Structure formats: structure tokens, C-alpha cells
């Protein structure tokens, strides 16, 4: 989606994204997921979104462990599993 929208600006940019498993990927590697915060919801909470995006922030979000192909961004706090 980014390449379609930005075109030539991102022609040589290397992009890395988390796997489709979502945060479950990190749990498989031995990490414990302590917190998951959606970037969209955080921006809405701090009133940093335009009006139309606030409407999108009210929609239900996908399960962080079963994302599939849905675009979603979040900040994840990881800890050592015990």
C-alpha cells in the first residue's frame, strides 16, 4: 500500500514488516508480550487524528495474534518469558 501511494519516493526504500502471525510470532521466539497498543487508537486518545480518522479508530481492531492480511500497526512491549 505504501509503494502504491508514495511511488517514486519509496523506490529504493527497504521495508520490513512484522510477520502475518502478529504478536504470536514473538511469543514463538520465547518473548512474552506484556502490552500491545494500537497506533491508531493511541493517536485518537491523544486527539492527534483528523475527524474522519477518529471514526476509523472506533471500529473494532483485529486480534493482535491473528492478523492475516489486514493492515495494522501497533507498539508492542516485550518481556522475557519465565
PDB file of N, CA and C in Angstrom:
ATOM      1  N   UNK A   1       0.822  -1.186   0.000  1.00  0.00           N
ATOM      2  CA  UNK A   1       0.000   0.000   0.000  1.00  0.00           C
ATOM      3  C   UNK A   1       0.868   1.252   0.000  1.00  0.00           C
ATOM      4  N   UNK A   2       1.962   1.207   0.740  1.00  0.00           N
ATOM      5  CA  UNK A   2       2.832   2.379   0.781  1.00  0.00           C
ATOM      6  C   UNK A   2       3.466   2.653  -0.575  1.00  0.00           C
ATOM      7  N   UNK A   3       3.898   1.608  -1.243  1.00  0.00           N
ATOM      8  CA  UNK A   3       4.547   1.799  -2.545  1.00  0.00           C
ATOM      9  C   UNK A   3       3.573   2.368  -3.573  1.00  0.00           C
ATOM     10  N   UNK A   4       2.310   1.960  -3.513  1.00  0.00           N
ATOM     11  CA  UNK A   4       1.318   2.499  -4.443  1.00  0.00           C
ATOM     12  C   UNK A   4       1.092   3.978  -4.206  1.00  0.00           C
ATOM     13  N   UNK A   5       1.027   4.375  -2.949  1.00  0.00           N
ATOM     14  CA  UNK A   5       0.731   5.763  -2.614  1.00  0.00           C
ATOM     15  C   UNK A   5       1.916   6.694  -2.766  1.00  0.00           C
ATOM     16  N   UNK A   6       3.115   6.217  -2.476  1.00  0.00           N
ATOM     17  CA  UNK A   6       4.296   7.084  -2.483  1.00  0.00           C
ATOM     18  C   UNK A   6       5.116   6.969  -3.758  1.00  0.00           C
ATOM     19  N   UNK A   7       4.930   5.904  -4.512  1.00  0.00           N
ATOM     20  CA  UNK A   7       5.581   5.749  -5.806  1.00  0.00           C
ATOM     21  C   UNK A   7       7.080   5.919  -5.781  1.00  0.00           C
ATOM     22  N   UNK A   8       7.566   6.914  -6.518  1.00  0.00           N
ATOM     23  CA  UNK A   8       8.998   7.127  -6.715  1.00  0.00           C
ATOM     24  C   UNK A   8       9.724   7.476  -5.418  1.00  0.00           C
ATOM     25  N   UNK A   9       9.029   8.040  -4.448  1.00  0.00           N
ATOM     26  CA  UNK A   9       9.677   8.420  -3.197  1.00  0.00           C
ATOM     27  C   UNK A   9      10.210   7.208  -2.437  1.00  0.00           C
ATOM     28  N   UNK A  10       9.587   6.065  -2.633  1.00  0.00           N
ATOM     29  CA  UNK A  10       9.987   4.856  -1.918  1.00  0.00           C
ATOM     30  C   UNK A  10      10.615   3.807  -2.824  1.00  0.00           C
ATOM     31  N   UNK A  11      11.035   4.199  -3.993  1.00  0.00           N
ATOM     32  CA  UNK A  11      11.553   3.234  -4.970  1.00  0.00           C
ATOM     33  C   UNK A  11      12.729   2.429  -4.422  1.00  0.00           C
ATOM     34  N   UNK A  12      13.627   3.063  -3.682  1.00  0.00           N
ATOM     35  CA  UNK A  12      14.813   2.377  -3.177  1.00  0.00           C
ATOM     36  C   UNK A  12      14.745   2.109  -1.679  1.00  0.00           C
ATOM     37  N   UNK A  13      13.611   2.349  -1.064  1.00  0.00           N
ATOM     38  CA  UNK A  13      13.490   2.157   0.381  1.00  0.00           C
ATOM     39  C   UNK A  13      13.291   0.683   0.711  1.00  0.00           C
ATOM     40  N   UNK A  14      14.036   0.228   1.683  1.00  0.00           N
ATOM     41  CA  UNK A  14      13.881  -1.141   2.150  1.00  0.00           C
ATOM     42  C   UNK A  14      12.826  -1.133   3.247  1.00  0.00           C
ATOM     43  N   UNK A  15      11.826  -1.980   3.108  1.00  0.00           N
ATOM     44  CA  UNK A  15      10.757  -2.016   4.096  1.00  0.00           C
ATOM     45  C   UNK A  15      10.707  -3.386   4.752  1.00  0.00           C
ATOM     46  N   UNK A  16      10.589  -3.379   6.056  1.00  0.00           N
ATOM     47  CA  UNK A  16      10.472  -4.622   6.810  1.00  0.00           C
ATOM     48  C   UNK A  16       9.216  -4.527   7.658  1.00  0.00           C
ATOM     49  N   UNK A  17       8.424  -5.571   7.606  1.00  0.00           N
ATOM     50  CA  UNK A  17       7.192  -5.602   8.364  1.00  0.00           C
ATOM     51  C   UNK A  17       7.168  -6.859   9.213  1.00  0.00           C
ATOM     52  N   UNK A  18       6.385  -6.807  10.264  1.00  0.00           N
ATOM     53  CA  UNK A  18       6.248  -7.980  11.130  1.00  0.00           C
ATOM     54  C   UNK A  18       5.520  -9.086  10.372  1.00  0.00           C
ATOM     55  N   UNK A  19       5.666 -10.309  10.804  1.00  0.00           N
ATOM     56  CA  UNK A  19       5.015 -11.428  10.117  1.00  0.00           C
ATOM     57  C   UNK A  19       3.505 -11.396  10.273  1.00  0.00           C
ATOM     58  N   UNK A  20       2.831 -12.180   9.442  1.00  0.00           N
ATOM     59  CA  UNK A  20       1.364 -12.217   9.456  1.00  0.00           C
ATOM     60  C   UNK A  20       0.801 -12.810  10.735  1.00  0.00           C
ATOM     61  N   UNK A  21       1.615 -13.493  11.498  1.00  0.00           N
ATOM     62  CA  UNK A  21       1.136 -14.075  12.753  1.00  0.00           C
ATOM     63  C   UNK A  21       0.916 -13.014  13.825  1.00  0.00           C
ATOM     64  N   UNK A  22       1.353 -11.802  13.575  1.00  0.00           N
ATOM     65  CA  UNK A  22       1.200 -10.747  14.565  1.00  0.00           C
ATOM     66  C   UNK A  22       2.127 -10.956  15.743  1.00  0.00           C
ATOM     67  N   UNK A  23       1.649 -10.627  16.930  1.00  0.00           N
ATOM     68  CA  UNK A  23       2.499 -10.739  18.109  1.00  0.00           C
ATOM     69  C   UNK A  23       2.760 -12.191  18.503  1.00  0.00           C
ATOM     70  N   UNK A  24       1.987 -13.118  17.968  1.00  0.00           N
ATOM     71  CA  UNK A  24       2.222 -14.542  18.255  1.00  0.00           C
ATOM     72  C   UNK A  24       3.611 -14.967  17.772  1.00  0.00           C
ATOM     73  N   UNK A  25       4.120 -14.299  16.747  1.00  0.00           N
ATOM     74  CA  UNK A  25       5.464 -14.597  16.237  1.00  0.00           C
ATOM     75  C   UNK A  25       6.519 -14.395  17.326  1.00  0.00           C
ATOM     76  N   UNK A  26       6.403 -13.313  18.069  1.00  0.00           N
ATOM     77  CA  UNK A  26       7.380 -13.028  19.120  1.00  0.00           C
ATOM     78  C   UNK A  26       7.259 -14.025  20.265  1.00  0.00           C
ATOM     79  N   UNK A  27       6.037 -14.466  20.538  1.00  0.00           N
ATOM     80  CA  UNK A  27       5.836 -15.463  21.581  1.00  0.00           C
ATOM     81  C   UNK A  27       6.472 -16.791  21.189  1.00  0.00           C
ATOM     82  N   UNK A  28       6.437 -17.120  19.905  1.00  0.00           N
ATOM     83  CA  UNK A  28       7.080 -18.347  19.424  1.00  0.00           C
ATOM     84  C   UNK A  28       8.593 -18.286  19.588  1.00  0.00           C
ATOM     85  N   UNK A  29       9.145 -17.090  19.551  1.00  0.00           N
ATOM     86  CA  UNK A  29      10.589 -16.916  19.719  1.00  0.00           C
ATOM     87  C   UNK A  29      11.011 -16.886  21.183  1.00  0.00           C
ATOM     88  N   UNK A  30      10.047 -17.003  22.096  1.00  0.00           N
ATOM     89  CA  UNK A  30      10.376 -17.052  23.509  1.00  0.00           C
ATOM     90  C   UNK A  30      10.156 -15.752  24.263  1.00  0.00           C
ATOM     91  N   UNK A  31       9.564 -14.765  23.635  1.00  0.00           N
ATOM     92  CA  UNK A  31       9.282 -13.495  24.302  1.00  0.00           C
ATOM     93  C   UNK A  31       7.878 -13.517  24.881  1.00  0.00           C
ATOM     94  N   UNK A  32       7.666 -12.738  25.906  1.00  0.00           N
ATOM     95  CA  UNK A  32       6.339 -12.571  26.484  1.00  0.00           C
ATOM     96  C   UNK A  32       5.820 -11.199  26.069  1.00  0.00           C
ATOM     97  N   UNK A  33       4.626 -11.150  25.540  1.00  0.00           N
ATOM     98  CA  UNK A  33       4.028  -9.879  25.121  1.00  0.00           C
ATOM     99  C   UNK A  33       3.363  -9.266  26.345  1.00  0.00           C
ATOM    100  N   UNK A  34       3.940  -8.172  26.843  1.00  0.00           N
ATOM    101  CA  UNK A  34       3.421  -7.524  28.047  1.00  0.00           C
ATOM    102  C   UNK A  34       2.273  -6.567  27.708  1.00  0.00           C
ATOM    103  N   UNK A  35       2.445  -5.764  26.652  1.00  0.00           N
ATOM    104  CA  UNK A  35       1.427  -4.781  26.271  1.00  0.00           C
ATOM    105  C   UNK A  35       1.400  -4.630  24.764  1.00  0.00           C
ATOM    106  N   UNK A  36       0.217  -4.342  24.236  1.00  0.00           N
ATOM    107  CA  UNK A  36       0.041  -4.058  22.812  1.00  0.00           C
ATOM    108  C   UNK A  36      -0.807  -2.801  22.714  1.00  0.00           C
ATOM    109  N   UNK A  37      -0.283  -1.779  22.032  1.00  0.00           N
ATOM    110  CA  UNK A  37      -1.003  -0.521  21.876  1.00  0.00           C
ATOM    111  C   UNK A  37      -1.121  -0.177  20.395  1.00  0.00           C
ATOM    112  N   UNK A  38      -2.328  -0.069  19.911  1.00  0.00           N
ATOM    113  CA  UNK A  38      -2.584   0.303  18.528  1.00  0.00           C
ATOM    114  C   UNK A  38      -2.183   1.762  18.299  1.00  0.00           C
ATOM    115  N   UNK A  39      -1.467   2.022  17.220  1.00  0.00           N
ATOM    116  CA  UNK A  39      -1.059   3.391  16.899  1.00  0.00           C
ATOM    117  C   UNK A  39      -2.269   4.267  16.605  1.00  0.00           C
ATOM    118  N   UNK A  40      -3.252   3.715  15.898  1.00  0.00           N
ATOM    119  CA  UNK A  40      -4.449   4.485  15.559  1.00  0.00           C
ATOM    120  C   UNK A  40      -5.236   4.855  16.814  1.00  0.00           C
ATOM    121  N   UNK A  41      -5.427   3.907  17.703  1.00  0.00           N
ATOM    122  CA  UNK A  41      -6.175   4.192  18.943  1.00  0.00           C
ATOM    123  C   UNK A  41      -5.418   5.170  19.837  1.00  0.00           C
ATOM    124  N   UNK A  42      -4.108   5.060  19.889  1.00  0.00           N
ATOM    125  CA  UNK A  42      -3.315   5.984  20.700  1.00  0.00           C
ATOM    126  C   UNK A  42      -3.413   7.403  20.149  1.00  0.00           C
ATOM    127  N   UNK A  43      -3.356   7.533  18.833  1.00  0.00           N
ATOM    128  CA  UNK A  43      -3.481   8.858  18.228  1.00  0.00           C
ATOM    129  C   UNK A  43      -4.862   9.451  18.500  1.00  0.00           C
ATOM    130  N   UNK A  44      -5.889   8.634  18.472  1.00  0.00           N
ATOM    131  CA  UNK A  44      -7.238   9.117  18.776  1.00  0.00           C
ATOM    132  C   UNK A  44      -7.342   9.532  20.240  1.00  0.00           C
ATOM    133  N   UNK A  45      -6.739   8.753  21.122  1.00  0.00           N
ATOM    134  CA  UNK A  45      -6.789   9.063  22.550  1.00  0.00           C
ATOM    135  C   UNK A  45      -6.114  10.405  22.846  1.00  0.00           C
ATOM    136  N   UNK A  46      -5.039  10.714  22.125  1.00  0.00           N
ATOM    137  CA  UNK A  46      -4.330  11.976  22.332  1.00  0.00           C
ATOM    138  C   UNK A  46      -4.823  13.089  21.419  1.00  0.00           C
ATOM    139  N   UNK A  47      -5.933  12.831  20.720  1.00  0.00           N
ATOM    140  CA  UNK A  47      -6.584  13.808  19.838  1.00  0.00           C
ATOM    141  C   UNK A  47      -5.640  14.327  18.753  1.00  0.00           C
ATOM    142  N   UNK A  48      -4.945  13.395  18.120  1.00  0.00           N
ATOM    143  CA  UNK A  48      -3.996  13.733  17.068  1.00  0.00           C
ATOM    144  C   UNK A  48      -4.475  13.272  15.698  1.00  0.00           C
ATOM    145  N   UNK A  49      -5.762  12.946  15.560  1.00  0.00           N
ATOM    146  CA  UNK A  49      -6.301  12.458  14.297  1.00  0.00           C
ATOM    147  C   UNK A  49      -7.291  13.446  13.705  1.00  0.00           C
ATOM    148  N   UNK A  50      -7.373  13.510  12.376  1.00  0.00           N
ATOM    149  CA  UNK A  50      -8.443  14.275  11.744  1.00  0.00           C
ATOM    150  C   UNK A  50      -9.791  13.606  12.038  1.00  0.00           C
ATOM    151  N   UNK A  51     -10.860  14.344  11.857  1.00  0.00           N
ATOM    152  CA  UNK A  51     -12.205  13.863  12.211  1.00  0.00           C
ATOM    153  C   UNK A  51     -12.542  12.536  11.542  1.00  0.00           C
ATOM    154  N   UNK A  52     -12.244  12.380  10.265  1.00  0.00           N
ATOM    155  CA  UNK A  52     -12.597  11.151   9.561  1.00  0.00           C
ATOM    156  C   UNK A  52     -11.838   9.953  10.116  1.00  0.00           C
ATOM    157  N   UNK A  53     -10.606  10.156  10.529  1.00  0.00           N
ATOM    158  CA  UNK A  53      -9.814   9.059  11.078  1.00  0.00           C
ATOM    159  C   UNK A  53     -10.300   8.665  12.474  1.00  0.00           C
ATOM    160  N   UNK A  54     -10.901   9.611  13.204  1.00  0.00           N
ATOM    161  CA  UNK A  54     -11.462   9.266  14.512  1.00  0.00           C
ATOM    162  C   UNK A  54     -12.569   8.234  14.371  1.00  0.00           C
ATOM    163  N   UNK A  55     -13.308   8.325  13.266  1.00  0.00           N
ATOM    164  CA  UNK A  55     -14.351   7.336  13.005  1.00  0.00           C
ATOM    165  C   UNK A  55     -13.744   5.947  12.803  1.00  0.00           C
ATOM    166  N   UNK A  56     -12.635   5.877  12.074  1.00  0.00           N
ATOM    167  CA  UNK A  56     -11.962   4.594  11.868  1.00  0.00           C
ATOM    168  C   UNK A  56     -11.411   4.036  13.183  1.00  0.00           C
ATOM    169  N   UNK A  57     -11.000   4.909  14.079  1.00  0.00           N
ATOM    170  CA  UNK A  57     -10.459   4.470  15.363  1.00  0.00           C
ATOM    171  C   UNK A  57     -11.531   3.812  16.229  1.00  0.00           C
ATOM    172  N   UNK A  58     -12.803   4.087  15.945  1.00  0.00           N
ATOM    173  CA  UNK A  58     -13.898   3.486  16.714  1.00  0.00           C
ATOM    174  C   UNK A  58     -14.241   2.077  16.241  1.00  0.00           C
ATOM    175  N   UNK A  59     -13.794   1.714  15.050  1.00  0.00           N
ATOM    176  CA  UNK A  59     -14.079   0.373  14.531  1.00  0.00           C
ATOM    177  C   UNK A  59     -13.311  -0.682  15.322  1.00  0.00           C
ATOM    178  N   UNK A  60     -13.838  -1.891  15.382  1.00  0.00           N
ATOM    179  CA  UNK A  60     -13.102  -2.947  16.095  1.00  0.00           C
ATOM    180  C   UNK A  60     -11.795  -3.284  15.375  1.00  0.00           C
ATOM    181  N   UNK A  61     -10.786  -3.557  16.160  1.00  0.00           N
ATOM    182  CA  UNK A  61      -9.476  -3.879  15.593  1.00  0.00           C
ATOM    183  C   UNK A  61      -9.305  -5.385  15.506  1.00  0.00           C
ATOM    184  N   UNK A  62      -8.425  -5.834  14.622  1.00  0.00           N
ATOM    185  CA  UNK A  62      -8.174  -7.274  14.526  1.00  0.00           C
ATOM    186  C   UNK A  62      -7.466  -7.788  15.775  1.00  0.00           C
ATOM    187  N   UNK A  63      -7.587  -9.079  15.997  1.00  0.00           N
ATOM    188  CA  UNK A  63      -6.899  -9.702  17.124  1.00  0.00           C
ATOM    189  C   UNK A  63      -5.398  -9.638  16.853  1.00  0.00           C
ATOM    190  N   UNK A  64      -4.589  -9.135  17.791  1.00  0.00           N
ATOM    191  CA  UNK A  64      -3.153  -8.967  17.527  1.00  0.00           C
ATOM    192  C   UNK A  64      -2.391 -10.256  17.242  1.00  0.00           C
ATOM    193  N   UNK A  65      -2.962 -11.399  17.562  1.00  0.00           N
ATOM    194  CA  UNK A  65      -2.285 -12.670  17.306  1.00  0.00           C
ATOM    195  C   UNK A  65      -2.769 -13.341  16.031  1.00  0.00           C
ATOM    196  N   UNK A  66      -3.817 -12.819  15.411  1.00  0.00           N
ATOM    197  CA  UNK A  66      -4.381 -13.409  14.192  1.00  0.00           C
ATOM    198  C   UNK A  66      -4.697 -12.302  13.191  1.00  0.00           C
ATOM    199  N   UNK A  67      -3.684 -11.670  12.653  1.00  0.00           N
ATOM    200  CA  UNK A  67      -3.890 -10.530  11.764  1.00  0.00           C
ATOM    201  C   UNK A  67      -4.229 -10.922  10.336  1.00  0.00           C
ATOM    202  N   UNK A  68      -3.611 -11.963   9.843  1.00  0.00           N
ATOM    203  CA  UNK A  68      -3.822 -12.325   8.442  1.00  0.00           C
ATOM    204  C   UNK A  68      -3.233 -11.268   7.532  1.00  0.00           C
ATOM    205  N   UNK A  69      -4.000 -10.790   6.568  1.00  0.00           N
ATOM    206  CA  UNK A  69      -3.511  -9.783   5.621  1.00  0.00           C
ATOM    207  C   UNK A  69      -3.981  -8.374   5.964  1.00  0.00           C
ATOM    208  N   UNK A  70      -4.626  -8.215   7.092  1.00  0.00           N
ATOM    209  CA  UNK A  70      -5.150  -6.901   7.457  1.00  0.00           C
ATOM    210  C   UNK A  70      -4.026  -5.951   7.846  1.00  0.00           C
ATOM    211  N   UNK A  71      -4.023  -4.733   7.290  1.00  0.00           N
ATOM    212  CA  UNK A  71      -3.009  -3.762   7.701  1.00  0.00           C
ATOM    213  C   UNK A  71      -3.305  -3.262   9.113  1.00  0.00           C
ATOM    214  N   UNK A  72      -2.297  -3.239   9.956  1.00  0.00           N
ATOM    215  CA  UNK A  72      -2.467  -2.822  11.343  1.00  0.00           C
ATOM    216  C   UNK A  72      -1.110  -2.437  11.880  1.00  0.00           C
ATOM    217  N   UNK A  73      -1.057  -1.410  12.676  1.00  0.00           N
ATOM    218  CA  UNK A  73       0.226  -1.013  13.271  1.00  0.00           C
ATOM    219  C   UNK A  73       0.033  -0.841  14.775  1.00  0.00           C
ATOM    220  N   UNK A  74       1.050  -1.231  15.497  1.00  0.00           N
ATOM    221  CA  UNK A  74       0.985  -1.153  16.944  1.00  0.00           C
ATOM    222  C   UNK A  74       2.388  -1.092  17.524  1.00  0.00           C
ATOM    223  N   UNK A  75       2.429  -0.701  18.778  1.00  0.00           N
ATOM    224  CA  UNK A  75       3.664  -0.739  19.542  1.00  0.00           C
ATOM    225  C   UNK A  75       3.516  -1.869  20.545  1.00  0.00           C
ATOM    226  N   UNK A  76       4.518  -2.742  20.604  1.00  0.00           N
ATOM    227  CA  UNK A  76       4.448  -3.929  21.454  1.00  0.00           C
ATOM    228  C   UNK A  76       5.575  -3.869  22.477  1.00  0.00           C
ATOM    229  N   UNK A  77       5.212  -4.031  23.747  1.00  0.00           N
ATOM    230  CA  UNK A  77       6.204  -4.113  24.802  1.00  0.00           C
ATOM    231  C   UNK A  77       6.449  -5.582  25.083  1.00  0.00           C
ATOM    232  N   UNK A  78       7.692  -5.996  24.866  1.00  0.00           N
ATOM    233  CA  UNK A  78       8.066  -7.403  25.058  1.00  0.00           C
ATOM    234  C   UNK A  78       8.864  -7.551  26.353  1.00  0.00           C
ATOM    235  N   UNK A  79       8.717  -8.693  26.975  1.00  0.00           N
ATOM    236  CA  UNK A  79       9.490  -9.022  28.168  1.00  0.00           C
ATOM    237  C   UNK A  79      10.015 -10.435  28.036  1.00  0.00           C
ATOM    238  N   UNK A  80      10.899 -10.793  28.912  1.00  0.00           N
ATOM    239  CA  UNK A  80      11.445 -12.152  28.896  1.00  0.00           C
ATOM    240  C   UNK A  80      10.414 -13.107  29.464  1.00  0.00           C
ATOM    241  N   UNK A  81      10.215 -14.204  28.761  1.00  0.00           N
ATOM    242  CA  UNK A  81       9.257 -15.196  29.280  1.00  0.00           C
ATOM    243  C   UNK A  81       9.921 -15.981  30.398  1.00  0.00           C
ATOM    244  N   UNK A  82       9.115 -16.371  31.352  1.00  0.00           N
ATOM    245  CA  UNK A  82       9.671 -17.089  32.508  1.00  0.00           C
ATOM    246  C   UNK A  82       9.325 -18.543  32.475  1.00  0.00           C
TER     247      UNK A  82
END
